[in-house]
Amino acid sequence: MTLNFQLLGARWSILNEEAVRNALRGLLGDYFNAKVDKWEIFDEKGIVYSVPSLVEADVLITDSEHILVEIKSHVRKSDITELLRMSELYKAKTGVMPKLVIVSTTI
């Protein structure tokens, strides 16, 4: 029975993250004329995870700013480090130092 509750909790977290992501895209895109995209890139130097890997983040782009947005159901200390490393990779790949935001339903 415990396994079923854990699976339900995992599914609820995933659904919450997607709901928050969709709400942000709609709100920011419609009301602030911002472009919201998923940024995916292969990190061949292992900047983010210490090994070459695919890195994904949501990015909000306005006329003057780039903002990396991580949406998490729960925030851990390691999520902060991961986002900081993502910003280093983003700057290396785009030449723009992004601002950073973490959105969470539970902290």
C-alpha atoms as a PDB file:
ATOM      1  CA  MET A   1       0.000   0.000   0.000  1.00  0.00           C
ATOM      2  CA  THR A   2       2.850   2.411   0.700  1.00  0.00           C
ATOM      3  CA  LEU A   3       4.120   1.994  -2.841  1.00  0.00           C
ATOM      4  CA  ASN A   4       0.753   3.124  -4.227  1.00  0.00           C
ATOM      5  CA  PHE A   5       0.815   6.275  -2.117  1.00  0.00           C
ATOM      6  CA  GLN A   6       4.360   7.036  -3.272  1.00  0.00           C
ATOM      7  CA  LEU A   7       3.346   6.600  -6.908  1.00  0.00           C
ATOM      8  CA  LEU A   8       0.319   8.830  -6.397  1.00  0.00           C
ATOM      9  CA  GLY A   9       2.531  11.460  -4.771  1.00  0.00           C
ATOM     10  CA  ALA A  10       5.032  11.308  -7.622  1.00  0.00           C
ATOM     11  CA  ARG A  11       2.280  11.686 -10.205  1.00  0.00           C
ATOM     12  CA  TRP A  12       0.720  14.595  -8.314  1.00  0.00           C
ATOM     13  CA  SER A  13       4.094  16.371  -8.203  1.00  0.00           C
ATOM     14  CA  ILE A  14       4.594  15.963 -11.950  1.00  0.00           C
ATOM     15  CA  LEU A  15       1.073  17.216 -12.657  1.00  0.00           C
ATOM     16  CA  ASN A  16       1.587  20.210 -10.352  1.00  0.00           C
ATOM     17  CA  GLU A  17       4.838  21.144 -12.086  1.00  0.00           C
ATOM     18  CA  GLU A  18       3.196  20.990 -15.511  1.00  0.00           C
ATOM     19  CA  ALA A  19       0.185  23.018 -14.326  1.00  0.00           C
ATOM     20  CA  VAL A  20       2.453  25.725 -12.891  1.00  0.00           C
ATOM     21  CA  ARG A  21       4.554  25.726 -16.074  1.00  0.00           C
ATOM     22  CA  ASN A  22       1.469  26.158 -18.283  1.00  0.00           C
ATOM     23  CA  ALA A  23       0.067  28.918 -16.067  1.00  0.00           C
ATOM     24  CA  LEU A  24       3.349  30.834 -16.173  1.00  0.00           C
ATOM     25  CA  ARG A  25       3.603  30.494 -19.935  1.00  0.00           C
ATOM     26  CA  GLY A  26       0.104  31.846 -20.380  1.00  0.00           C
ATOM     27  CA  LEU A  27       0.420  34.662 -17.867  1.00  0.00           C
ATOM     28  CA  LEU A  28       3.851  35.881 -18.894  1.00  0.00           C
ATOM     29  CA  GLY A  29       3.311  35.416 -22.601  1.00  0.00           C
ATOM     30  CA  ASP A  30      -0.143  36.995 -22.772  1.00  0.00           C
ATOM     31  CA  TYR A  31       0.197  39.834 -20.275  1.00  0.00           C
ATOM     32  CA  PHE A  32       3.857  40.767 -20.438  1.00  0.00           C
ATOM     33  CA  ASN A  33       4.551  39.975 -24.090  1.00  0.00           C
ATOM     34  CA  ALA A  34       7.400  37.711 -23.077  1.00  0.00           C
ATOM     35  CA  LYS A  35       8.584  34.700 -24.999  1.00  0.00           C
ATOM     36  CA  VAL A  36       8.604  31.524 -22.912  1.00  0.00           C
ATOM     37  CA  ASP A  37      10.463  28.519 -24.341  1.00  0.00           C
ATOM     38  CA  LYS A  38      12.032  25.296 -23.211  1.00  0.00           C
ATOM     39  CA  TRP A  39      15.814  25.574 -23.550  1.00  0.00           C
ATOM     40  CA  GLU A  40      17.512  22.270 -24.322  1.00  0.00           C
ATOM     41  CA  ILE A  41      21.184  21.899 -25.045  1.00  0.00           C
ATOM     42  CA  PHE A  42      23.832  19.213 -24.837  1.00  0.00           C
ATOM     43  CA  ASP A  43      26.428  20.138 -22.226  1.00  0.00           C
ATOM     44  CA  GLU A  44      29.477  18.450 -23.740  1.00  0.00           C
ATOM     45  CA  LYS A  45      31.839  19.831 -21.056  1.00  0.00           C
ATOM     46  CA  GLY A  46      29.748  18.589 -18.114  1.00  0.00           C
ATOM     47  CA  ILE A  47      29.334  22.052 -16.572  1.00  0.00           C
ATOM     48  CA  VAL A  48      25.951  21.283 -14.988  1.00  0.00           C
ATOM     49  CA  TYR A  49      26.089  17.591 -14.015  1.00  0.00           C
ATOM     50  CA  SER A  50      29.871  16.955 -14.125  1.00  0.00           C
ATOM     51  CA  VAL A  51      29.401  14.611 -17.101  1.00  0.00           C
ATOM     52  CA  PRO A  52      28.307  15.364 -20.666  1.00  0.00           C
ATOM     53  CA  SER A  53      24.499  15.383 -20.688  1.00  0.00           C
ATOM     54  CA  LEU A  54      21.344  16.991 -22.013  1.00  0.00           C
ATOM     55  CA  VAL A  55      20.288  20.048 -19.989  1.00  0.00           C
ATOM     56  CA  GLU A  56      16.739  21.428 -19.994  1.00  0.00           C
ATOM     57  CA  ALA A  57      15.265  24.586 -18.492  1.00  0.00           C
ATOM     58  CA  ASP A  58      12.464  27.010 -19.185  1.00  0.00           C
ATOM     59  CA  VAL A  59      13.653  30.399 -20.377  1.00  0.00           C
ATOM     60  CA  LEU A  60      11.708  33.645 -20.349  1.00  0.00           C
ATOM     61  CA  ILE A  61      12.953  36.227 -22.828  1.00  0.00           C
ATOM     62  CA  THR A  62      11.879  39.866 -22.857  1.00  0.00           C
ATOM     63  CA  ASP A  63      13.370  42.756 -24.791  1.00  0.00           C
ATOM     64  CA  SER A  64      16.045  43.333 -22.165  1.00  0.00           C
ATOM     65  CA  GLU A  65      16.356  40.147 -20.090  1.00  0.00           C
ATOM     66  CA  HIS A  66      16.773  36.404 -20.203  1.00  0.00           C
ATOM     67  CA  ILE A  67      15.464  34.535 -17.158  1.00  0.00           C
ATOM     68  CA  LEU A  68      16.050  30.833 -16.520  1.00  0.00           C
ATOM     69  CA  VAL A  69      13.035  29.412 -14.708  1.00  0.00           C
ATOM     70  CA  GLU A  70      13.128  26.064 -12.928  1.00  0.00           C
ATOM     71  CA  ILE A  71       9.799  24.642 -11.834  1.00  0.00           C
ATOM     72  CA  LYS A  72      10.053  22.101  -9.040  1.00  0.00           C
ATOM     73  CA  SER A  73       7.493  20.363  -6.869  1.00  0.00           C
ATOM     74  CA  HIS A  74      10.026  20.452  -3.992  1.00  0.00           C
ATOM     75  CA  VAL A  75      13.178  22.559  -3.744  1.00  0.00           C
ATOM     76  CA  ARG A  76      16.377  21.070  -2.348  1.00  0.00           C
ATOM     77  CA  LYS A  77      19.740  22.747  -1.771  1.00  0.00           C
ATOM     78  CA  SER A  78      21.154  20.860  -4.753  1.00  0.00           C
ATOM     79  CA  ASP A  79      18.530  22.483  -7.012  1.00  0.00           C
ATOM     80  CA  ILE A  80      20.098  25.880  -6.310  1.00  0.00           C
ATOM     81  CA  THR A  81      23.544  24.639  -7.321  1.00  0.00           C
ATOM     82  CA  GLU A  82      22.118  23.019 -10.439  1.00  0.00           C
ATOM     83  CA  LEU A  83      20.424  26.259 -11.499  1.00  0.00           C
ATOM     84  CA  LEU A  84      23.626  28.253 -10.913  1.00  0.00           C
ATOM     85  CA  ARG A  85      25.532  25.827 -13.134  1.00  0.00           C
ATOM     86  CA  MET A  86      22.785  26.055 -15.771  1.00  0.00           C
ATOM     87  CA  SER A  87      23.259  29.835 -15.797  1.00  0.00           C
ATOM     88  CA  GLU A  88      26.994  29.353 -16.412  1.00  0.00           C
ATOM     89  CA  LEU A  89      26.214  27.035 -19.330  1.00  0.00           C
ATOM     90  CA  TYR A  90      23.590  29.431 -20.684  1.00  0.00           C
ATOM     91  CA  LYS A  91      26.091  32.299 -20.627  1.00  0.00           C
ATOM     92  CA  ALA A  92      28.757  30.160 -22.301  1.00  0.00           C
ATOM     93  CA  LYS A  93      26.355  29.144 -25.081  1.00  0.00           C
ATOM     94  CA  THR A  94      24.456  32.420 -25.635  1.00  0.00           C
ATOM     95  CA  GLY A  95      26.747  35.148 -24.318  1.00  0.00           C
ATOM     96  CA  VAL A  96      23.942  36.376 -22.025  1.00  0.00           C
ATOM     97  CA  MET A  97      24.002  36.048 -18.230  1.00  0.00           C
ATOM     98  CA  PRO A  98      20.433  35.154 -17.258  1.00  0.00           C
ATOM     99  CA  LYS A  99      18.562  36.040 -14.123  1.00  0.00           C
ATOM    100  CA  LEU A 100      17.425  32.994 -12.151  1.00  0.00           C
ATOM    101  CA  VAL A 101      14.023  32.001 -10.751  1.00  0.00           C
ATOM    102  CA  ILE A 102      12.819  28.849  -9.029  1.00  0.00           C
ATOM    103  CA  VAL A 103       9.065  28.318  -8.799  1.00  0.00           C
ATOM    104  CA  SER A 104       7.843  25.689  -6.367  1.00  0.00           C
ATOM    105  CA  THR A 105       4.569  24.585  -4.911  1.00  0.00           C
ATOM    106  CA  THR A 106       6.400  23.370  -1.772  1.00  0.00           C
ATOM    107  CA  ILE A 107       9.590  24.723  -0.220  1.00  0.00           C
END
